[in-house]
């Protein structure tokens, strides 16, 4: 189990987050908690772990998460 996560926002850089610095309700912060820490909403992105999408409300169980911004067309 890790106590930090690297958030790789594609095209925008990476951030290292310590679990202790994340606001969360449970024992382990969720991917939504990590998104909030980098000022992103789960409604505007997809979270991938090892190339696979994960539910944003799932507790973080990886040292790295990739964030892809969703594109809205008109």
C-alpha atoms as a PDB file:
ATOM      1  CA  UNK A   1       0.000   0.000   0.000  1.00  0.00           C
ATOM      2  CA  UNK A   2       1.242   3.441  -0.838  1.00  0.00           C
ATOM      3  CA  UNK A   3       0.792   6.726   0.994  1.00  0.00           C
ATOM      4  CA  UNK A   4       1.218   8.960  -2.050  1.00  0.00           C
ATOM      5  CA  UNK A   5       0.105   9.072  -5.665  1.00  0.00           C
ATOM      6  CA  UNK A   6       1.556  10.604  -8.807  1.00  0.00           C
ATOM      7  CA  UNK A   7      -1.158  12.315 -10.856  1.00  0.00           C
ATOM      8  CA  UNK A   8      -0.218  12.519 -14.559  1.00  0.00           C
ATOM      9  CA  UNK A   9      -2.599  14.942 -16.276  1.00  0.00           C
ATOM     10  CA  UNK A  10      -1.870  14.293 -19.952  1.00  0.00           C
ATOM     11  CA  UNK A  11      -0.627  17.405 -21.685  1.00  0.00           C
ATOM     12  CA  UNK A  12      -0.462  19.366 -18.439  1.00  0.00           C
ATOM     13  CA  UNK A  13       2.246  17.720 -16.321  1.00  0.00           C
ATOM     14  CA  UNK A  14       2.438  15.620 -13.167  1.00  0.00           C
ATOM     15  CA  UNK A  15       1.914  16.248  -9.465  1.00  0.00           C
ATOM     16  CA  UNK A  16       2.973  14.200  -6.444  1.00  0.00           C
ATOM     17  CA  UNK A  17       0.270  14.062  -3.765  1.00  0.00           C
ATOM     18  CA  UNK A  18       0.646  12.818  -0.195  1.00  0.00           C
ATOM     19  CA  UNK A  19      -2.435  11.025   1.161  1.00  0.00           C
ATOM     20  CA  UNK A  20      -2.138  13.003   4.408  1.00  0.00           C
ATOM     21  CA  UNK A  21      -2.580  16.249   2.438  1.00  0.00           C
ATOM     22  CA  UNK A  22      -5.759  15.053   0.658  1.00  0.00           C
ATOM     23  CA  UNK A  23      -9.167  15.736   2.135  1.00  0.00           C
ATOM     24  CA  UNK A  24     -11.101  12.476   2.364  1.00  0.00           C
ATOM     25  CA  UNK A  25     -13.802  10.745   4.388  1.00  0.00           C
ATOM     26  CA  UNK A  26     -12.601   7.131   4.415  1.00  0.00           C
ATOM     27  CA  UNK A  27      -9.407   5.379   5.491  1.00  0.00           C
ATOM     28  CA  UNK A  28      -7.897   5.818   2.021  1.00  0.00           C
ATOM     29  CA  UNK A  29      -8.541   8.784  -0.276  1.00  0.00           C
ATOM     30  CA  UNK A  30     -10.375   8.161  -3.543  1.00  0.00           C
ATOM     31  CA  UNK A  31      -9.417   9.159  -7.056  1.00  0.00           C
ATOM     32  CA  UNK A  32     -12.007  11.963  -6.731  1.00  0.00           C
ATOM     33  CA  UNK A  33     -10.070  13.305  -3.733  1.00  0.00           C
ATOM     34  CA  UNK A  34      -6.883  13.371  -5.841  1.00  0.00           C
ATOM     35  CA  UNK A  35      -8.715  15.116  -8.691  1.00  0.00           C
ATOM     36  CA  UNK A  36      -9.979  17.799  -6.301  1.00  0.00           C
ATOM     37  CA  UNK A  37      -6.407  18.395  -5.127  1.00  0.00           C
ATOM     38  CA  UNK A  38      -5.371  19.245  -8.701  1.00  0.00           C
ATOM     39  CA  UNK A  39      -8.508  21.353  -9.323  1.00  0.00           C
ATOM     40  CA  UNK A  40     -10.246  18.898 -11.655  1.00  0.00           C
ATOM     41  CA  UNK A  41     -13.797  17.562 -11.569  1.00  0.00           C
ATOM     42  CA  UNK A  42     -14.592  13.886 -12.192  1.00  0.00           C
ATOM     43  CA  UNK A  43     -17.175  15.170 -14.691  1.00  0.00           C
ATOM     44  CA  UNK A  44     -14.508  16.568 -17.010  1.00  0.00           C
ATOM     45  CA  UNK A  45     -11.919  13.763 -16.948  1.00  0.00           C
ATOM     46  CA  UNK A  46     -11.346  10.023 -17.084  1.00  0.00           C
ATOM     47  CA  UNK A  47      -8.974   8.351 -14.634  1.00  0.00           C
ATOM     48  CA  UNK A  48      -6.788   5.497 -15.855  1.00  0.00           C
ATOM     49  CA  UNK A  49      -4.644   3.103 -13.848  1.00  0.00           C
ATOM     50  CA  UNK A  50      -2.354   0.818 -15.847  1.00  0.00           C
ATOM     51  CA  UNK A  51      -4.163   1.993 -18.992  1.00  0.00           C
ATOM     52  CA  UNK A  52      -7.606   0.964 -17.726  1.00  0.00           C
ATOM     53  CA  UNK A  53     -10.394   3.279 -16.582  1.00  0.00           C
ATOM     54  CA  UNK A  54     -11.244   3.193 -12.882  1.00  0.00           C
ATOM     55  CA  UNK A  55     -14.267   4.593 -11.029  1.00  0.00           C
ATOM     56  CA  UNK A  56     -13.404   7.955  -9.524  1.00  0.00           C
ATOM     57  CA  UNK A  57     -15.031   6.993  -6.201  1.00  0.00           C
ATOM     58  CA  UNK A  58     -12.725   3.972  -5.800  1.00  0.00           C
ATOM     59  CA  UNK A  59     -10.030   4.211  -3.095  1.00  0.00           C
ATOM     60  CA  UNK A  60      -6.593   4.913  -4.543  1.00  0.00           C
ATOM     61  CA  UNK A  61      -4.716   1.630  -4.838  1.00  0.00           C
ATOM     62  CA  UNK A  62      -1.928   2.582  -7.224  1.00  0.00           C
ATOM     63  CA  UNK A  63       1.150   4.786  -7.053  1.00  0.00           C
ATOM     64  CA  UNK A  64       0.332   6.416 -10.408  1.00  0.00           C
ATOM     65  CA  UNK A  65      -2.879   7.600 -12.021  1.00  0.00           C
ATOM     66  CA  UNK A  66      -3.296   9.051 -15.487  1.00  0.00           C
ATOM     67  CA  UNK A  67      -5.914  11.731 -16.075  1.00  0.00           C
ATOM     68  CA  UNK A  68      -7.361  12.417 -19.513  1.00  0.00           C
ATOM     69  CA  UNK A  69      -9.496  15.499 -20.067  1.00  0.00           C
ATOM     70  CA  UNK A  70     -12.705  14.768 -21.910  1.00  0.00           C
ATOM     71  CA  UNK A  71     -13.325  16.806 -25.030  1.00  0.00           C
ATOM     72  CA  UNK A  72     -16.696  18.372 -25.673  1.00  0.00           C
ATOM     73  CA  UNK A  73     -17.658  18.987 -29.251  1.00  0.00           C
ATOM     74  CA  UNK A  74     -20.146  21.284 -30.795  1.00  0.00           C
END
